[in-house]
């Protein structure tokens, strides 16, 4: 089996993290993988917010929890949040951002870092608070939130590979 296929098969969503911070050099490699995702017409519409600041991370967690209607941490204790957004003016924005998310998660797995795609970034960055956060970072443009790729060291057993369903693929020959 190829190393890439092995990474694809064994990557799982992690829902419990240690509080230890992921080193910046590892975060940089994960982020770099995201920047090489395929995008519609090569327009590179997504951007990535690499959040390691605990105060900002906790603010994002609170916004996300409020949208979900809970008071628990939707980021499962992960110390790093990579927020993927994409230019709303590109017709492929959601697809472009989704490919970025996939690259981030695969590279994290390859580097021994747990990850999980957390939704509700769309609602977060449609809010005035979300728009204000982007503005405070000097980010101009009209962006849609695609997702949060939370990162951290796995706390506990790494999940196994579930069986694949029988009717996944239909060949038309």
N, C-alpha and C. Protein backbone atom coordinates (compact mmCIF):
# COMPACT_ATOMS: atom_id res chain seq x y z
N UNK A 1 0.84 -1.18 0.00
CA UNK A 1 0.00 0.00 0.00
C UNK A 1 0.89 1.25 0.00
N UNK A 2 0.51 2.24 -0.77
CA UNK A 2 1.30 3.47 -0.81
C UNK A 2 1.21 4.19 0.54
N UNK A 3 2.22 5.00 0.84
CA UNK A 3 2.21 5.76 2.09
C UNK A 3 1.02 6.72 2.12
N UNK A 4 0.72 7.35 0.99
CA UNK A 4 -0.41 8.28 0.95
C UNK A 4 -1.73 7.55 1.22
N UNK A 5 -1.93 6.43 0.57
CA UNK A 5 -3.16 5.68 0.79
C UNK A 5 -3.26 5.22 2.24
N UNK A 6 -2.14 4.83 2.82
CA UNK A 6 -2.13 4.44 4.22
C UNK A 6 -2.54 5.62 5.11
N UNK A 7 -2.03 6.80 4.83
CA UNK A 7 -2.41 8.00 5.59
C UNK A 7 -3.91 8.27 5.45
N UNK A 8 -4.43 8.16 4.25
CA UNK A 8 -5.85 8.39 4.01
C UNK A 8 -6.69 7.38 4.78
N UNK A 9 -6.29 6.12 4.75
CA UNK A 9 -7.06 5.06 5.41
C UNK A 9 -7.01 5.16 6.93
N UNK A 10 -5.90 5.59 7.48
CA UNK A 10 -5.75 5.55 8.93
C UNK A 10 -6.08 6.86 9.64
N UNK A 11 -6.27 7.96 8.92
CA UNK A 11 -6.61 9.23 9.55
C UNK A 11 -8.01 9.15 10.15
N UNK A 12 -8.17 9.58 11.37
CA UNK A 12 -9.46 9.58 12.05
C UNK A 12 -9.68 10.95 12.71
N UNK A 13 -10.91 11.29 12.94
CA UNK A 13 -11.25 12.50 13.68
C UNK A 13 -11.02 12.25 15.16
N UNK A 14 -10.30 13.17 15.79
CA UNK A 14 -9.95 13.03 17.21
C UNK A 14 -10.84 13.98 18.02
N UNK A 15 -11.37 13.44 19.12
CA UNK A 15 -12.29 14.23 19.94
C UNK A 15 -11.87 14.32 21.40
N UNK A 16 -10.56 14.16 21.65
CA UNK A 16 -10.02 14.37 22.98
C UNK A 16 -8.52 14.66 22.83
N UNK A 17 -8.11 15.84 23.33
CA UNK A 17 -6.74 16.31 23.14
C UNK A 17 -6.05 16.62 24.46
N UNK A 18 -4.74 16.44 24.46
CA UNK A 18 -3.91 16.91 25.56
C UNK A 18 -3.79 18.44 25.44
N UNK A 19 -3.48 19.10 26.52
CA UNK A 19 -3.37 20.57 26.50
C UNK A 19 -2.04 21.05 25.93
N UNK A 20 -1.08 20.14 25.72
CA UNK A 20 0.25 20.52 25.21
C UNK A 20 0.14 21.22 23.86
N UNK A 21 0.84 22.34 23.73
CA UNK A 21 0.83 23.10 22.48
C UNK A 21 1.65 22.38 21.41
N UNK A 22 1.15 22.40 20.19
CA UNK A 22 1.86 21.86 19.04
C UNK A 22 2.94 22.86 18.65
N UNK A 23 4.19 22.43 18.44
CA UNK A 23 5.25 23.37 18.07
C UNK A 23 4.94 24.11 16.77
N UNK A 24 5.37 25.37 16.71
CA UNK A 24 5.09 26.22 15.54
C UNK A 24 5.61 25.60 14.25
N UNK A 25 6.78 24.95 14.30
CA UNK A 25 7.31 24.37 13.05
C UNK A 25 6.41 23.28 12.50
N UNK A 26 5.72 22.55 13.38
CA UNK A 26 4.78 21.53 12.92
C UNK A 26 3.51 22.19 12.38
N UNK A 27 3.01 23.20 13.09
CA UNK A 27 1.84 23.95 12.61
C UNK A 27 2.14 24.52 11.23
N UNK A 28 3.34 25.08 11.05
CA UNK A 28 3.72 25.66 9.76
C UNK A 28 3.67 24.63 8.64
N UNK A 29 4.11 23.40 8.90
CA UNK A 29 4.07 22.34 7.88
C UNK A 29 2.63 21.97 7.53
N UNK A 30 1.79 21.90 8.55
CA UNK A 30 0.38 21.57 8.33
C UNK A 30 -0.29 22.67 7.50
N UNK A 31 -0.05 23.92 7.88
CA UNK A 31 -0.61 25.05 7.14
C UNK A 31 -0.10 25.07 5.70
N UNK A 32 1.18 24.79 5.52
CA UNK A 32 1.74 24.76 4.16
C UNK A 32 1.00 23.74 3.29
N UNK A 33 0.70 22.58 3.86
CA UNK A 33 -0.04 21.56 3.11
C UNK A 33 -1.40 22.12 2.67
N UNK A 34 -2.05 22.89 3.53
CA UNK A 34 -3.32 23.49 3.18
C UNK A 34 -3.22 24.45 2.01
N UNK A 35 -2.09 25.15 1.92
CA UNK A 35 -1.92 26.13 0.83
C UNK A 35 -1.69 25.47 -0.53
N UNK A 36 -1.48 24.16 -0.54
CA UNK A 36 -1.27 23.45 -1.80
C UNK A 36 -2.49 22.65 -2.23
N UNK A 37 -3.63 22.91 -1.61
CA UNK A 37 -4.87 22.24 -2.02
C UNK A 37 -5.29 22.74 -3.40
N UNK A 38 -5.93 21.87 -4.14
CA UNK A 38 -6.49 22.27 -5.43
C UNK A 38 -7.58 23.31 -5.20
N UNK A 39 -7.64 24.31 -6.09
CA UNK A 39 -8.70 25.32 -6.02
C UNK A 39 -9.23 25.56 -7.42
N UNK A 40 -10.49 25.97 -7.50
CA UNK A 40 -11.12 26.22 -8.80
C UNK A 40 -10.34 27.23 -9.62
N UNK A 41 -9.98 26.82 -10.83
CA UNK A 41 -9.22 27.64 -11.76
C UNK A 41 -7.91 28.17 -11.16
N UNK A 42 -7.41 27.47 -10.13
CA UNK A 42 -6.15 27.87 -9.50
C UNK A 42 -6.21 29.24 -8.83
N UNK A 43 -7.41 29.70 -8.47
CA UNK A 43 -7.58 31.05 -7.93
C UNK A 43 -7.18 31.20 -6.46
N UNK A 44 -6.96 30.10 -5.74
CA UNK A 44 -6.50 30.15 -4.35
C UNK A 44 -7.37 31.07 -3.50
N UNK A 45 -8.69 30.81 -3.51
CA UNK A 45 -9.62 31.67 -2.77
C UNK A 45 -9.57 31.52 -1.25
N UNK A 46 -9.12 30.40 -0.69
CA UNK A 46 -9.14 30.28 0.77
C UNK A 46 -8.03 31.05 1.47
N UNK A 47 -8.29 31.31 2.75
CA UNK A 47 -7.27 31.80 3.68
C UNK A 47 -7.36 30.93 4.93
N UNK A 48 -6.28 30.91 5.70
CA UNK A 48 -6.23 30.12 6.93
C UNK A 48 -5.84 31.04 8.08
N UNK A 49 -6.64 31.02 9.15
CA UNK A 49 -6.27 31.71 10.38
C UNK A 49 -5.67 30.65 11.30
N UNK A 50 -4.41 30.76 11.61
CA UNK A 50 -3.74 29.81 12.51
C UNK A 50 -3.79 30.39 13.92
N UNK A 51 -4.71 29.87 14.74
CA UNK A 51 -4.96 30.42 16.07
C UNK A 51 -4.28 29.56 17.13
N UNK A 52 -3.27 30.13 17.78
CA UNK A 52 -2.61 29.49 18.90
C UNK A 52 -2.76 30.33 20.17
N UNK A 53 -3.26 31.54 20.03
CA UNK A 53 -3.51 32.43 21.15
C UNK A 53 -4.71 31.88 21.94
N UNK A 54 -4.49 31.51 23.20
CA UNK A 54 -5.54 30.86 24.00
C UNK A 54 -6.78 31.74 24.14
N UNK A 55 -6.61 33.02 24.31
CA UNK A 55 -7.76 33.92 24.47
C UNK A 55 -8.63 33.92 23.21
N UNK A 56 -8.00 34.01 22.05
CA UNK A 56 -8.75 34.01 20.79
C UNK A 56 -9.35 32.62 20.55
N UNK A 57 -8.59 31.57 20.83
CA UNK A 57 -9.08 30.19 20.68
C UNK A 57 -10.33 29.98 21.54
N UNK A 58 -10.28 30.47 22.78
CA UNK A 58 -11.42 30.31 23.69
C UNK A 58 -12.63 31.15 23.23
N UNK A 59 -12.36 32.31 22.65
CA UNK A 59 -13.44 33.14 22.12
C UNK A 59 -14.14 32.42 20.96
N UNK A 60 -13.35 31.84 20.06
CA UNK A 60 -13.92 31.07 18.95
C UNK A 60 -14.74 29.89 19.47
N UNK A 61 -14.21 29.22 20.48
CA UNK A 61 -14.91 28.08 21.07
C UNK A 61 -16.26 28.52 21.64
N UNK A 62 -16.28 29.65 22.33
CA UNK A 62 -17.53 30.16 22.93
C UNK A 62 -18.53 30.51 21.85
N UNK A 63 -18.08 31.20 20.79
CA UNK A 63 -19.00 31.55 19.69
C UNK A 63 -19.58 30.28 19.09
N UNK A 64 -18.72 29.30 18.86
CA UNK A 64 -19.13 28.05 18.24
C UNK A 64 -20.14 27.32 19.14
N UNK A 65 -19.85 27.26 20.42
CA UNK A 65 -20.74 26.60 21.37
C UNK A 65 -22.09 27.31 21.43
N UNK A 66 -22.07 28.64 21.41
CA UNK A 66 -23.33 29.40 21.44
C UNK A 66 -24.18 29.07 20.22
N UNK A 67 -23.56 28.99 19.06
CA UNK A 67 -24.29 28.65 17.83
C UNK A 67 -24.88 27.25 17.94
N UNK A 68 -24.10 26.33 18.53
CA UNK A 68 -24.54 24.95 18.67
C UNK A 68 -25.56 24.78 19.80
N UNK A 69 -25.62 25.77 20.68
CA UNK A 69 -26.57 25.70 21.79
C UNK A 69 -26.07 24.87 22.96
N UNK A 70 -24.77 24.94 23.23
CA UNK A 70 -24.18 24.17 24.33
C UNK A 70 -23.21 25.06 25.10
N UNK A 71 -22.77 24.59 26.24
CA UNK A 71 -21.73 25.31 26.98
C UNK A 71 -20.45 24.48 27.10
N UNK A 72 -20.36 23.41 26.31
CA UNK A 72 -19.15 22.59 26.29
C UNK A 72 -18.20 23.11 25.20
N UNK A 73 -16.96 22.65 25.24
CA UNK A 73 -15.96 23.09 24.26
C UNK A 73 -16.10 22.27 22.97
N UNK A 74 -16.61 22.89 21.90
CA UNK A 74 -16.76 22.15 20.65
C UNK A 74 -15.41 21.76 20.01
N UNK A 75 -14.31 22.31 20.52
CA UNK A 75 -12.99 22.01 19.98
C UNK A 75 -12.30 20.89 20.76
N UNK A 76 -13.01 20.25 21.67
CA UNK A 76 -12.54 19.07 22.40
C UNK A 76 -11.21 19.28 23.13
N UNK A 77 -10.93 20.52 23.53
CA UNK A 77 -9.69 20.80 24.26
C UNK A 77 -8.47 20.99 23.39
N UNK A 78 -8.62 20.93 22.08
CA UNK A 78 -7.46 21.11 21.18
C UNK A 78 -6.88 22.52 21.37
N UNK A 79 -5.56 22.64 21.49
CA UNK A 79 -4.96 23.95 21.73
C UNK A 79 -4.79 24.80 20.46
N UNK A 80 -4.91 24.20 19.29
CA UNK A 80 -4.69 24.92 18.03
C UNK A 80 -5.96 24.82 17.19
N UNK A 81 -6.35 25.96 16.61
CA UNK A 81 -7.50 25.99 15.71
C UNK A 81 -7.06 26.66 14.41
N UNK A 82 -7.18 25.92 13.31
CA UNK A 82 -6.92 26.50 11.99
C UNK A 82 -8.29 26.76 11.36
N UNK A 83 -8.63 28.03 11.22
CA UNK A 83 -9.92 28.39 10.63
C UNK A 83 -9.71 28.58 9.14
N UNK A 84 -10.49 27.87 8.34
CA UNK A 84 -10.41 28.00 6.89
C UNK A 84 -11.62 28.82 6.44
N UNK A 85 -11.32 29.89 5.69
CA UNK A 85 -12.34 30.73 5.10
C UNK A 85 -12.03 30.82 3.61
N UNK A 86 -13.03 31.19 2.82
CA UNK A 86 -12.80 31.33 1.38
C UNK A 86 -13.58 32.53 0.85
N UNK A 87 -13.07 33.10 -0.20
CA UNK A 87 -13.66 34.28 -0.83
C UNK A 87 -15.05 33.97 -1.34
N UNK A 88 -16.06 34.66 -0.79
CA UNK A 88 -17.46 34.42 -1.16
C UNK A 88 -17.73 34.69 -2.64
N UNK A 89 -16.89 35.48 -3.27
CA UNK A 89 -17.11 35.85 -4.67
C UNK A 89 -16.69 34.76 -5.65
N UNK A 90 -16.01 33.74 -5.17
CA UNK A 90 -15.60 32.62 -6.02
C UNK A 90 -16.69 31.56 -5.99
N UNK A 91 -17.17 31.11 -7.15
CA UNK A 91 -18.22 30.09 -7.15
C UNK A 91 -17.77 28.75 -6.55
N UNK A 92 -16.47 28.54 -6.46
CA UNK A 92 -15.94 27.28 -5.92
C UNK A 92 -15.45 27.43 -4.48
N UNK A 93 -15.82 28.50 -3.80
CA UNK A 93 -15.28 28.81 -2.47
C UNK A 93 -15.41 27.65 -1.48
N UNK A 94 -16.61 27.06 -1.36
CA UNK A 94 -16.83 25.99 -0.39
C UNK A 94 -16.01 24.76 -0.75
N UNK A 95 -15.93 24.45 -2.03
CA UNK A 95 -15.15 23.28 -2.48
C UNK A 95 -13.67 23.52 -2.24
N UNK A 96 -13.21 24.72 -2.58
CA UNK A 96 -11.80 25.06 -2.39
C UNK A 96 -11.41 24.92 -0.91
N UNK A 97 -12.23 25.50 -0.04
CA UNK A 97 -11.95 25.43 1.39
C UNK A 97 -12.02 24.02 1.93
N UNK A 98 -12.93 23.21 1.38
CA UNK A 98 -13.04 21.81 1.82
C UNK A 98 -11.78 21.03 1.46
N UNK A 99 -11.21 21.30 0.30
CA UNK A 99 -9.96 20.63 -0.07
C UNK A 99 -8.81 21.08 0.83
N UNK A 100 -8.81 22.34 1.23
CA UNK A 100 -7.80 22.82 2.18
C UNK A 100 -7.93 22.05 3.49
N UNK A 101 -9.16 21.90 3.97
CA UNK A 101 -9.40 21.17 5.22
C UNK A 101 -8.85 19.74 5.12
N UNK A 102 -9.10 19.08 4.00
CA UNK A 102 -8.61 17.70 3.82
C UNK A 102 -7.09 17.66 3.88
N UNK A 103 -6.44 18.58 3.18
CA UNK A 103 -4.97 18.61 3.20
C UNK A 103 -4.44 18.84 4.61
N UNK A 104 -5.08 19.76 5.36
CA UNK A 104 -4.64 20.04 6.72
C UNK A 104 -4.71 18.78 7.58
N UNK A 105 -5.83 18.07 7.50
CA UNK A 105 -6.02 16.89 8.34
C UNK A 105 -5.07 15.76 7.96
N UNK A 106 -4.83 15.58 6.67
CA UNK A 106 -3.90 14.52 6.24
C UNK A 106 -2.47 14.82 6.66
N UNK A 107 -2.04 16.07 6.50
CA UNK A 107 -0.68 16.42 6.90
C UNK A 107 -0.52 16.32 8.42
N UNK A 108 -1.52 16.74 9.16
CA UNK A 108 -1.47 16.60 10.62
C UNK A 108 -1.27 15.13 11.00
N UNK A 109 -2.06 14.27 10.39
CA UNK A 109 -1.95 12.83 10.68
C UNK A 109 -0.55 12.32 10.34
N UNK A 110 -0.03 12.72 9.21
CA UNK A 110 1.30 12.29 8.80
C UNK A 110 2.37 12.72 9.81
N UNK A 111 2.14 13.86 10.47
CA UNK A 111 3.11 14.39 11.43
C UNK A 111 2.82 13.94 12.87
N UNK A 112 1.84 13.04 13.05
CA UNK A 112 1.53 12.53 14.38
C UNK A 112 0.67 13.44 15.23
N UNK A 113 -0.06 14.35 14.57
CA UNK A 113 -0.93 15.30 15.27
C UNK A 113 -2.38 14.93 14.99
N UNK A 114 -3.20 14.91 16.03
CA UNK A 114 -4.62 14.64 15.86
C UNK A 114 -5.34 15.85 15.30
N UNK A 115 -6.44 15.61 14.59
CA UNK A 115 -7.22 16.70 14.03
C UNK A 115 -8.69 16.31 13.97
N UNK A 116 -9.52 17.33 13.81
CA UNK A 116 -10.95 17.11 13.62
C UNK A 116 -11.53 18.34 12.94
N UNK A 117 -12.43 18.11 11.99
CA UNK A 117 -13.14 19.20 11.31
C UNK A 117 -14.33 19.57 12.18
N UNK A 118 -14.38 20.83 12.59
CA UNK A 118 -15.47 21.34 13.40
C UNK A 118 -16.24 22.36 12.56
N UNK A 119 -17.55 22.18 12.49
CA UNK A 119 -18.39 23.06 11.68
C UNK A 119 -18.74 24.36 12.41
N UNK A 120 -19.63 25.12 11.83
CA UNK A 120 -20.20 26.37 12.31
C UNK A 120 -19.30 27.58 12.09
N UNK A 121 -18.21 27.44 11.31
CA UNK A 121 -17.38 28.60 10.96
C UNK A 121 -18.18 29.58 10.10
N UNK A 122 -19.08 29.06 9.27
CA UNK A 122 -19.91 29.92 8.43
C UNK A 122 -20.69 30.90 9.29
N UNK A 123 -21.39 30.37 10.30
CA UNK A 123 -22.19 31.22 11.17
C UNK A 123 -21.31 32.16 12.00
N UNK A 124 -20.17 31.67 12.47
CA UNK A 124 -19.27 32.51 13.25
C UNK A 124 -18.82 33.74 12.48
N UNK A 125 -18.45 33.53 11.22
CA UNK A 125 -17.88 34.64 10.45
C UNK A 125 -18.91 35.43 9.65
N UNK A 126 -20.19 35.04 9.77
CA UNK A 126 -21.28 35.88 9.30
C UNK A 126 -21.68 36.88 10.39
N UNK A 127 -21.30 36.59 11.64
CA UNK A 127 -21.65 37.44 12.77
C UNK A 127 -20.80 38.70 12.78
N UNK A 128 -21.29 39.70 13.46
CA UNK A 128 -20.53 40.96 13.59
C UNK A 128 -19.20 40.70 14.30
N UNK A 129 -19.21 39.82 15.33
CA UNK A 129 -17.97 39.51 16.05
C UNK A 129 -16.94 38.87 15.11
N UNK A 130 -17.39 37.96 14.29
CA UNK A 130 -16.48 37.31 13.35
C UNK A 130 -15.91 38.28 12.34
N UNK A 131 -16.79 39.12 11.80
CA UNK A 131 -16.32 40.14 10.83
C UNK A 131 -15.34 41.10 11.50
N UNK A 132 -15.61 41.45 12.75
CA UNK A 132 -14.73 42.35 13.48
C UNK A 132 -13.37 41.70 13.73
N UNK A 133 -13.37 40.40 14.03
CA UNK A 133 -12.10 39.70 14.22
C UNK A 133 -11.26 39.76 12.95
N UNK A 134 -11.87 39.46 11.80
CA UNK A 134 -11.13 39.54 10.54
C UNK A 134 -10.60 40.94 10.30
N UNK A 135 -11.43 41.93 10.54
CA UNK A 135 -11.03 43.33 10.35
C UNK A 135 -9.85 43.67 11.27
N UNK A 136 -9.91 43.21 12.53
CA UNK A 136 -8.83 43.50 13.48
C UNK A 136 -7.50 42.87 13.06
N UNK A 137 -7.58 41.82 12.24
CA UNK A 137 -6.37 41.15 11.74
C UNK A 137 -5.89 41.75 10.42
N UNK A 138 -6.62 42.76 9.93
CA UNK A 138 -6.26 43.40 8.67
C UNK A 138 -6.70 42.61 7.44
N UNK A 139 -7.65 41.71 7.62
CA UNK A 139 -8.12 40.89 6.51
C UNK A 139 -9.27 41.60 5.83
N UNK A 140 -9.06 41.92 4.56
CA UNK A 140 -10.08 42.61 3.77
C UNK A 140 -10.72 41.61 2.82
N UNK A 141 -11.97 41.84 2.47
CA UNK A 141 -12.66 40.96 1.55
C UNK A 141 -13.90 40.39 2.20
N UNK A 142 -14.61 39.61 1.42
CA UNK A 142 -15.86 39.01 1.87
C UNK A 142 -15.66 37.50 1.93
N UNK A 143 -15.53 36.97 3.13
CA UNK A 143 -15.19 35.56 3.31
C UNK A 143 -16.31 34.77 3.95
N UNK A 144 -16.41 33.51 3.55
CA UNK A 144 -17.32 32.56 4.16
C UNK A 144 -16.48 31.57 4.98
N UNK A 145 -16.94 31.29 6.20
CA UNK A 145 -16.25 30.32 7.03
C UNK A 145 -16.53 28.90 6.52
N UNK A 146 -15.49 28.13 6.27
CA UNK A 146 -15.63 26.75 5.78
C UNK A 146 -15.58 25.77 6.94
N UNK A 147 -14.61 25.91 7.81
CA UNK A 147 -14.50 24.99 8.94
C UNK A 147 -13.32 25.33 9.82
N UNK A 148 -13.29 24.67 10.97
CA UNK A 148 -12.16 24.77 11.91
C UNK A 148 -11.46 23.42 11.87
N UNK A 149 -10.18 23.43 11.64
CA UNK A 149 -9.39 22.21 11.77
C UNK A 149 -8.68 22.32 13.10
N UNK A 150 -9.20 21.61 14.12
CA UNK A 150 -8.55 21.66 15.42
C UNK A 150 -7.40 20.67 15.44
N UNK A 151 -6.33 21.05 16.13
CA UNK A 151 -5.10 20.25 16.16
C UNK A 151 -4.61 20.07 17.58
N UNK A 152 -4.02 18.92 17.84
CA UNK A 152 -3.39 18.69 19.13
C UNK A 152 -2.91 17.26 19.23
N UNK A 153 -2.32 16.98 20.37
CA UNK A 153 -1.86 15.62 20.64
C UNK A 153 -3.02 14.80 21.17
N UNK A 154 -3.16 13.62 20.65
CA UNK A 154 -4.26 12.73 21.02
C UNK A 154 -4.16 12.34 22.49
N UNK A 155 -5.27 12.49 23.20
CA UNK A 155 -5.35 12.06 24.59
C UNK A 155 -6.14 10.76 24.63
N UNK A 156 -5.43 9.64 24.69
CA UNK A 156 -6.09 8.34 24.72
C UNK A 156 -5.74 7.50 23.52
N UNK A 157 -6.57 6.49 23.27
CA UNK A 157 -6.36 5.56 22.16
C UNK A 157 -6.69 6.22 20.82
N UNK A 158 -5.87 5.93 19.83
CA UNK A 158 -6.17 6.42 18.48
C UNK A 158 -7.23 5.50 17.88
N UNK A 159 -8.30 6.07 17.31
CA UNK A 159 -9.39 5.23 16.77
C UNK A 159 -8.92 4.32 15.63
N UNK A 160 -9.54 3.16 15.56
CA UNK A 160 -9.24 2.22 14.49
C UNK A 160 -10.01 2.57 13.22
N UNK A 161 -9.79 1.76 12.19
CA UNK A 161 -10.42 1.99 10.88
C UNK A 161 -11.75 1.23 10.84
N UNK A 162 -12.85 1.96 10.67
CA UNK A 162 -14.13 1.26 10.56
C UNK A 162 -14.26 0.56 9.20
N UNK A 163 -15.08 -0.48 9.17
CA UNK A 163 -15.35 -1.17 7.91
C UNK A 163 -15.99 -0.21 6.91
N UNK A 164 -15.74 -0.42 5.64
CA UNK A 164 -16.36 0.37 4.58
C UNK A 164 -17.69 -0.27 4.21
N UNK A 165 -18.66 0.55 3.87
CA UNK A 165 -19.96 0.02 3.46
C UNK A 165 -19.83 -0.69 2.12
N UNK A 166 -20.74 -1.61 1.84
CA UNK A 166 -20.69 -2.41 0.62
C UNK A 166 -21.01 -1.61 -0.64
N UNK A 167 -21.93 -0.69 -0.54
CA UNK A 167 -22.41 0.00 -1.75
C UNK A 167 -21.78 1.39 -1.91
N UNK A 168 -20.51 1.48 -1.68
CA UNK A 168 -19.81 2.77 -1.78
C UNK A 168 -19.57 3.19 -3.23
N UNK A 169 -19.20 2.23 -4.10
CA UNK A 169 -18.80 2.54 -5.47
C UNK A 169 -19.65 1.77 -6.45
N UNK A 170 -20.08 2.45 -7.50
CA UNK A 170 -20.80 1.82 -8.60
C UNK A 170 -20.02 2.10 -9.88
N UNK A 171 -19.55 1.04 -10.52
CA UNK A 171 -18.79 1.18 -11.77
C UNK A 171 -19.75 1.25 -12.96
N UNK A 172 -19.46 2.17 -13.84
CA UNK A 172 -20.20 2.27 -15.11
C UNK A 172 -19.18 2.03 -16.20
N UNK A 173 -19.21 0.80 -16.77
CA UNK A 173 -18.17 0.42 -17.74
C UNK A 173 -18.73 0.27 -19.12
